[in-house]
Protein backbone atom coordinates (compact mmCIF):
# COMPACT_ATOMS: atom_id res chain seq x y z
CA MET A 1 96.79 96.84 72.95
CA ALA A 2 97.67 93.96 75.82
CA GLU A 3 98.46 90.67 74.81
CA VAL A 4 97.65 87.16 75.81
CA ASN A 5 100.05 85.57 78.38
CA LYS A 6 100.49 82.09 76.34
CA GLY A 7 102.43 80.18 79.35
CA ASN A 8 99.97 81.57 82.02
CA LEU A 9 96.66 80.38 80.05
CA LYS A 10 98.87 77.01 79.30
CA LEU A 11 99.08 76.77 82.97
CA ILE A 12 95.57 77.42 83.91
CA VAL A 13 94.57 74.55 81.10
CA ARG A 14 96.98 72.12 82.88
CA LEU A 15 95.45 73.08 86.70
CA ILE A 16 92.36 72.44 84.81
CA GLU A 17 92.95 69.27 82.98
CA SER A 18 94.19 68.06 86.60
CA GLY A 19 90.52 68.91 88.19
CA ILE A 20 91.58 72.18 89.75
CA THR A 21 88.46 74.41 88.31
CA THR A 22 87.70 76.86 90.36
CA GLU A 23 89.51 80.16 92.07
CA LYS A 24 88.53 78.84 95.34
CA ALA A 25 90.42 75.36 94.39
CA VAL A 26 93.51 77.00 92.93
CA SER A 27 94.05 79.30 96.66
CA SER A 28 93.77 76.67 98.84
CA LEU A 29 96.51 74.59 97.09
CA LYS A 30 99.65 73.49 99.18
CA LEU A 31 103.06 72.67 98.21
CA LYS A 32 102.04 69.05 98.16
CA ASP A 33 99.10 70.02 95.96
CA ILE A 34 100.94 71.30 93.59
CA LEU A 35 103.63 68.72 93.17
CA SER A 36 101.07 65.91 92.63
CA ILE A 37 100.85 67.85 89.39
CA PRO A 38 102.92 65.68 86.75
CA ASN A 39 105.84 67.60 85.12
CA LEU A 40 105.70 71.24 86.47
CA SER A 41 108.63 73.30 85.41
CA LYS A 42 110.03 75.83 88.12
CA THR A 43 108.62 78.23 86.47
CA GLU A 44 105.20 77.01 86.26
CA LEU A 45 105.60 76.29 90.19
CA THR A 46 106.35 80.20 90.24
CA ALA A 47 103.33 80.93 88.14
CA ILE A 48 100.93 79.26 90.00
CA CYS A 49 102.15 81.49 93.35
CA GLN A 50 101.46 84.27 90.75
CA LEU A 51 98.13 83.15 90.05
CA GLN A 52 97.29 82.45 93.89
CA GLU A 53 98.36 86.07 94.52
CA ALA A 54 96.39 87.13 91.59
CA ILE A 55 93.37 85.60 92.57
CA LYS A 56 93.44 86.74 96.49
CA ALA A 57 94.09 90.19 95.04
CA GLY A 58 90.96 90.05 92.01
CA SER A 59 93.36 90.40 89.40
CA LEU A 60 92.83 87.52 87.43
CA PHE A 61 93.04 89.48 83.81
CA SER A 62 96.26 90.92 84.82
CA PHE A 63 97.79 87.30 85.20
CA LEU A 64 96.52 86.43 81.81
CA THR A 65 98.04 89.52 80.07
CA LEU A 66 101.74 90.65 79.26
CA PRO A 67 102.46 93.71 80.63
CA GLU A 68 101.69 96.74 77.85
CA LYS A 69 104.99 97.94 76.59
CA LYS A 70 105.11 101.87 76.16
CA GLU A 71 105.88 102.64 72.61
CA LYS A 72 108.83 105.05 71.44
CA GLY A 73 107.79 108.51 70.81
CA SER A 74 104.58 108.18 72.48
CA MET A 75 103.02 111.23 74.04
CA GLU A 76 103.57 109.65 77.59
CA ASP A 77 107.29 109.49 76.82
CA GLU A 78 107.54 113.19 76.54
CA THR A 79 106.26 114.48 79.83
C-alpha cells in the first residue's frame, strides 16, 4: 500500500499558507516568487520544481505518495 510523502504534503501546506492555492498558481511560480516564500530549504525548492512537473503531467497523487517498495519473496520477484 502506498504511503503519504509527508515532506511533500507539508510543502503544499506551506504553499497554501503563502497564498498559493491552485495548481495554476503553482505552475506559474517563477524563481522570484519561490524565493519570496520564507525559509525554504534546498530540498523544498527541488520539491516545488517536482510539484510543477507533476501538475503539468497530471500526476499530483504520485507527488503526494512515496514509491511503493517491492516485498522480498513476492510473486513479481520470482518472474
